[in-house]
């Protein structure tokens, strides 16, 4: 599942601000866009474009290739936006947000909550006792709060995030590479072909060689036989 434009905009804005959103809108869906063309379209300098691109690259949202200008001698970088990485980043952010909300919900459900009438502070029962049920800022008496509405809001948001995480977690496996028929048949034959057994030399031939090397140094026969007849 791909992100909606609104969700993608939120993520990009968190990473690089409004400039990053404009840049992504320009290169998204295209391949190998020159950084000079980006700068020209956005009416800014190449260094400003690179600054934004590097922020996106730190989060693996863009990839680049480069080519050397033969006349000027410098490298020109061409950039491509990676939608799949945006999905991964969104999934990571949603999981982190989900953990925070679940922690908040456990605190809200497992504690009596107290707050200052002037909204200075809000805390649980234990912290309220330590403060002697007085606000440390305005010294007003802390009042027990009905947090049922807050609990309901947290549960609703957790339920929605759970569904989004489950959807984004579903990743289709890439198709297996297509193998040419000839190569496949050759591979099958190689697998089915049994390993070669060591060739046994006749005993007479071995004795004949032994006689030729009788007068040589001790151990020479054994080495020669291993070298000549024990090959697979």
Protein backbone atom coordinates (compact mmCIF):
# COMPACT_ATOMS: atom_id res chain seq x y z
CA UNK A 1 0.00 0.00 0.00
CA UNK A 2 1.38 3.39 -0.98
CA UNK A 3 1.10 6.45 1.21
CA UNK A 4 -1.46 9.12 0.52
CA UNK A 5 -0.13 12.48 -0.66
CA UNK A 6 -1.04 13.99 2.70
CA UNK A 7 0.89 11.36 4.68
CA UNK A 8 3.90 11.63 2.38
CA UNK A 9 3.88 15.42 2.65
CA UNK A 10 3.85 15.19 6.46
CA UNK A 11 6.87 12.85 6.49
CA UNK A 12 8.89 14.89 4.00
CA UNK A 13 8.10 18.12 5.82
CA UNK A 14 9.35 16.66 9.10
CA UNK A 15 12.64 15.74 7.44
CA UNK A 16 13.43 18.78 5.31
CA UNK A 17 10.69 21.37 5.65
CA UNK A 18 8.66 22.99 2.87
CA UNK A 19 11.67 23.07 0.53
CA UNK A 20 11.90 19.29 0.68
CA UNK A 21 8.19 18.95 -0.12
CA UNK A 22 8.57 21.11 -3.24
CA UNK A 23 11.63 19.13 -4.33
CA UNK A 24 9.96 15.73 -3.86
CA UNK A 25 6.87 16.88 -5.77
CA UNK A 26 9.19 17.83 -8.62
CA UNK A 27 11.16 14.57 -8.91
CA UNK A 28 8.65 11.99 -7.68
CA UNK A 29 7.66 9.56 -10.43
CA UNK A 30 10.72 10.47 -12.50
CA UNK A 31 14.16 8.91 -12.78
CA UNK A 32 17.62 10.46 -12.74
CA UNK A 33 16.67 14.12 -12.52
CA UNK A 34 19.68 16.44 -12.78
CA UNK A 35 20.36 18.56 -9.71
CA UNK A 36 20.91 21.53 -12.04
CA UNK A 37 17.45 21.07 -13.51
CA UNK A 38 16.00 20.85 -9.99
CA UNK A 39 17.73 24.08 -9.01
CA UNK A 40 16.47 25.77 -12.17
CA UNK A 41 12.87 24.67 -11.56
CA UNK A 42 12.90 25.64 -7.88
CA UNK A 43 14.79 28.87 -8.62
CA UNK A 44 17.53 28.26 -6.08
CA UNK A 45 21.22 27.35 -6.07
CA UNK A 46 22.61 23.86 -6.61
CA UNK A 47 24.12 23.92 -3.10
CA UNK A 48 20.67 24.61 -1.60
CA UNK A 49 19.25 21.70 -3.60
CA UNK A 50 22.04 19.40 -2.43
CA UNK A 51 21.45 20.39 1.19
CA UNK A 52 17.83 19.22 0.97
CA UNK A 53 18.72 16.10 -1.00
CA UNK A 54 21.30 15.06 1.58
CA UNK A 55 18.64 15.22 4.31
CA UNK A 56 16.39 12.97 2.24
CA UNK A 57 19.32 10.66 1.49
CA UNK A 58 20.04 10.22 5.20
CA UNK A 59 16.59 8.64 5.43
CA UNK A 60 17.15 6.58 2.24
CA UNK A 61 14.36 8.42 0.42
CA UNK A 62 16.48 9.31 -2.62
CA UNK A 63 19.21 7.57 -4.58
CA UNK A 64 21.63 9.06 -7.08
CA UNK A 65 23.85 8.28 -9.99
CA UNK A 66 26.59 10.51 -11.32
CA UNK A 67 28.23 11.28 -14.64
CA UNK A 68 31.37 13.21 -15.37
CA UNK A 69 31.15 16.29 -17.54
CA UNK A 70 33.92 15.73 -20.09
CA UNK A 71 34.29 19.43 -20.89
CA UNK A 72 34.24 20.86 -17.36
CA UNK A 73 35.67 17.86 -15.54
CA UNK A 74 33.20 17.79 -12.64
CA UNK A 75 30.50 15.28 -11.72
CA UNK A 76 26.80 15.91 -12.25
CA UNK A 77 24.44 14.06 -9.90
CA UNK A 78 21.08 12.68 -11.02
CA UNK A 79 18.47 11.92 -8.36
CA UNK A 80 15.50 9.54 -8.03
CA UNK A 81 12.88 9.43 -5.28
CA UNK A 82 12.22 5.96 -3.76
CA UNK A 83 8.55 5.51 -2.86
CA UNK A 84 9.15 2.13 -1.18
CA UNK A 85 11.50 3.74 1.35
CA UNK A 86 8.83 6.32 2.17
CA UNK A 87 6.47 3.45 3.03
CA UNK A 88 9.12 1.90 5.29
CA UNK A 89 9.75 5.21 7.04
CA UNK A 90 6.02 5.77 7.53
CA UNK A 91 5.68 2.29 9.02
CA UNK A 92 8.54 2.95 11.43
CA UNK A 93 7.04 6.28 12.54
CA UNK A 94 3.60 4.75 13.04
CA UNK A 95 5.02 1.93 15.17
CA UNK A 96 6.86 4.43 17.36
CA UNK A 97 3.72 6.53 17.69
CA UNK A 98 1.70 3.42 18.52
CA UNK A 99 4.09 2.46 21.34
CA UNK A 100 3.82 5.96 22.82
CA UNK A 101 0.01 5.93 22.70
CA UNK A 102 -0.20 2.48 24.29
CA UNK A 103 2.07 3.66 27.12
CA UNK A 104 -0.12 6.73 27.64
CA UNK A 105 -3.26 4.58 27.67
CA UNK A 106 -1.82 2.24 30.31
CA UNK A 107 -1.02 5.26 32.52
CA UNK A 108 -4.48 6.75 32.04
CA UNK A 109 -6.29 3.48 32.77
CA UNK A 110 -4.13 2.46 35.72
CA UNK A 111 -4.01 5.77 37.60
CA UNK A 112 -6.24 8.38 39.16
CA UNK A 113 -5.37 11.62 37.41
CA UNK A 114 -5.28 15.03 39.08
CA UNK A 115 -4.94 18.46 37.50
CA UNK A 116 -4.68 22.10 38.45
CA UNK A 117 -7.85 24.16 37.91
CA UNK A 118 -5.69 26.67 36.03
CA UNK A 119 -4.22 23.90 33.84
CA UNK A 120 -0.72 24.41 35.23
CA UNK A 121 0.03 20.71 35.71
CA UNK A 122 -1.51 17.27 35.31
CA UNK A 123 -0.23 14.21 37.16
CA UNK A 124 -1.06 10.81 38.60
CA UNK A 125 -2.07 9.96 42.15
CA UNK A 126 1.45 9.25 43.46
CA UNK A 127 2.86 12.52 42.14
CA UNK A 128 -0.16 14.39 43.51
CA UNK A 129 0.52 12.94 46.96
CA UNK A 130 4.16 14.04 46.82
CA UNK A 131 2.93 17.55 46.02
CA UNK A 132 0.39 17.31 48.86
CA UNK A 133 -2.31 17.89 46.25
CA UNK A 134 -1.13 21.45 45.68
CA UNK A 135 -0.02 22.96 42.39
CA UNK A 136 3.71 23.83 42.63
CA UNK A 137 3.20 26.87 40.41
CA UNK A 138 0.03 28.57 41.67
CA UNK A 139 -0.58 26.56 44.89
CA UNK A 140 -4.16 25.74 43.86
CA UNK A 141 -5.67 22.49 45.15
CA UNK A 142 -5.33 19.67 42.62
CA UNK A 143 -8.65 18.22 41.52
CA UNK A 144 -9.33 14.63 40.49
CA UNK A 145 -9.97 14.49 36.76
CA UNK A 146 -12.46 12.44 34.79
CA UNK A 147 -10.19 11.03 32.09
CA UNK A 148 -12.74 8.73 30.43
CA UNK A 149 -12.93 10.97 27.38
CA UNK A 150 -9.14 10.99 27.03
CA UNK A 151 -9.06 7.18 27.37
CA UNK A 152 -11.67 6.85 24.64
CA UNK A 153 -9.70 9.14 22.33
CA UNK A 154 -6.50 7.15 22.90
CA UNK A 155 -8.24 3.84 22.22
CA UNK A 156 -9.70 5.16 18.98
CA UNK A 157 -6.34 6.47 17.74
CA UNK A 158 -4.61 3.21 18.73
CA UNK A 159 -7.20 1.20 16.80
CA UNK A 160 -6.72 3.32 13.67
CA UNK A 161 -2.93 3.09 13.90
CA UNK A 162 -3.09 -0.66 14.42
CA UNK A 163 -4.96 -1.02 11.13
CA UNK A 164 -2.53 1.26 9.28
CA UNK A 165 0.50 -0.62 10.64
CA UNK A 166 -1.04 -3.96 9.67
CA UNK A 167 -1.65 -2.66 6.14
CA UNK A 168 1.82 -1.17 5.71
CA UNK A 169 3.46 -4.28 7.18
CA UNK A 170 2.11 -6.35 4.30
CA UNK A 171 5.01 -6.46 1.83
CA UNK A 172 4.73 -8.38 -1.41
CA UNK A 173 7.67 -10.65 -2.05
CA UNK A 174 9.52 -9.89 -5.30
CA UNK A 175 9.01 -12.33 -8.13
CA UNK A 176 11.72 -14.90 -8.66
CA UNK A 177 14.11 -13.99 -11.49
CA UNK A 178 13.27 -15.55 -14.83
CA UNK A 179 15.85 -18.16 -15.83
CA UNK A 180 16.43 -18.94 -19.48
CA UNK A 181 15.36 -22.45 -20.54
CA UNK A 182 18.82 -23.52 -21.74
CA UNK A 183 20.48 -22.35 -18.55
CA UNK A 184 17.82 -24.07 -16.45
CA UNK A 185 18.23 -27.38 -18.31
CA UNK A 186 22.00 -27.20 -17.97
CA UNK A 187 21.71 -26.55 -14.23
CA UNK A 188 19.37 -29.52 -13.81
CA UNK A 189 21.77 -31.82 -15.68
CA UNK A 190 24.67 -30.71 -13.51
CA UNK A 191 22.70 -31.47 -10.37
CA UNK A 192 21.54 -34.89 -11.56
CA UNK A 193 24.94 -35.92 -12.91
CA UNK A 194 26.63 -38.26 -10.38
CA UNK A 195 30.06 -37.50 -9.06
CA UNK A 196 32.96 -39.23 -10.79
CA UNK A 197 34.35 -42.23 -8.98
CA UNK A 198 38.11 -42.60 -8.60
CA UNK A 199 39.60 -44.63 -11.42
CA UNK A 200 41.19 -47.87 -10.25
CA UNK A 201 44.48 -48.70 -11.92
CA UNK A 202 45.30 -52.32 -12.61
CA UNK A 203 47.61 -53.98 -10.11
CA UNK A 204 50.06 -55.01 -12.85
CA UNK A 205 50.53 -51.42 -13.93
CA UNK A 206 51.24 -50.39 -10.34
CA UNK A 207 53.87 -53.10 -9.93
CA UNK A 208 55.51 -52.07 -13.19
CA UNK A 209 55.96 -48.54 -11.96
CA UNK A 210 57.28 -49.79 -8.61
CA UNK A 211 60.06 -51.69 -10.37
CA UNK A 212 61.12 -48.60 -12.29
CA UNK A 213 61.60 -46.61 -9.14
CA UNK A 214 63.03 -49.29 -6.85
CA UNK A 215 66.43 -47.70 -6.89
CA UNK A 216 65.11 -44.23 -5.98
CA UNK A 217 64.92 -42.68 -2.53
CA UNK A 218 62.61 -44.19 0.12
CA UNK A 219 59.13 -42.71 0.04
CA UNK A 220 59.40 -41.74 -3.61
CA UNK A 221 57.14 -44.61 -4.70
CA UNK A 222 54.38 -43.59 -2.36
CA UNK A 223 54.52 -39.98 -3.50
CA UNK A 224 54.54 -40.92 -7.14
CA UNK A 225 51.59 -43.29 -6.76
CA UNK A 226 49.56 -40.70 -4.92
CA UNK A 227 50.31 -38.13 -7.57
CA UNK A 228 49.65 -40.37 -10.58
CA UNK A 229 46.95 -42.85 -9.59
CA UNK A 230 44.96 -41.37 -6.74
CA UNK A 231 43.48 -38.50 -8.75
CA UNK A 232 39.72 -38.40 -9.03
